[in-house]
Amino acid sequence: MFPPDAKLWDKGGKVMKTKQWSPEKEINRATIGIGNWTTREIIEHRVNETIKVFEALQNALPKLEAAADIIVDRAKKGGKVITIGAGGSGVAGMSVMRELPQNHRDIDPRQFTYHVTGGPAIFQPLGCEELEDSREEGQADVEKLGISEQDVVISISATGRTPYTRGAAQAARSRGAYTMGLLCQTGTELEDEVDLPIILEIGPEMFMGATCEKAASAQKDALDAIMDAVVVRLGATDDNRTRARLVHEKARIRARFFEQTQQPVAIATIPPSHNTG
């Protein structure tokens, strides 16, 4: 593995261009002058930005499908599936993975899990954002998680340059795990450091320097899509109904309702791709 500041030369002795994140990628010229906008204009622009998230997810469909198939294959063989990331990216992974065993009781939380830099300390008012700069911390966390060649590690990073996340990905890959990356910028370091980079080209955030707004939404949506396919392929659902853990009254009410209906509750009975209405 090349050190972070390594320069590569081609056969002619010229320095090759390497993938590297730059703040230049985060300039949003469409929002210059936002301080003079009306409240409605600010909110309307932000809402319209969700269209870019949708388009990015559509463009990433082949990679999302590949990710789901790989996860199903590894999970059936006993492998763990772990999301790992720093700050908002790590929390985006957590928000999906912690719900899986709640919604699907056949999903083992020891097999499908998550890790956010700093652990519980991330929930303090200012968290522990500084840990994202530690490649060594990412490598150490992979060691603690006991990652093996059976597992899938999904590294989540909006910028694709976070040292912690890159260190975790590199350590997982060195242990033989299959590595994926959920990224929101092209031409960044992590793209070449995972087996399956999934790039969600959403464009810059409204504010230069913010990475946990549109990016976090795209990351969560992508991971939700992957895991929806995974739980169906693993047989953890009854068609379009969950088999949830009955830990609160709302879940028990749903379970009683499902028992009474006996049939999957669906608006359409044909595959979505064939529904042109």
Foldseek 3Di string as FASTA:
>chain_A
DDPPPDWDADPVRDTDDAFAFDLVQFDDPVQVVVVVDDPVVVVVVLVVLVVLLVVLLVVLVVLLVVLLVLQLVLVVVPAAEEEEEEALQQVLQQVQQVCVCQQFVVDDCLRGDYYYPPPPQCPPPNRCRVCQQDLPSLLVVLVVNVAALSYEYEYEDARQARSSSLSVLQNNVVRNHQYEYEYADPRHDNCVSHPRYRYRPSGHDSDRPDRNDSNSVSSNVSVNVSVVSNCVVVVRADVPHHPGDPPDDVVVVVVVVCVVVVDDDDPDDDDPVPDPD
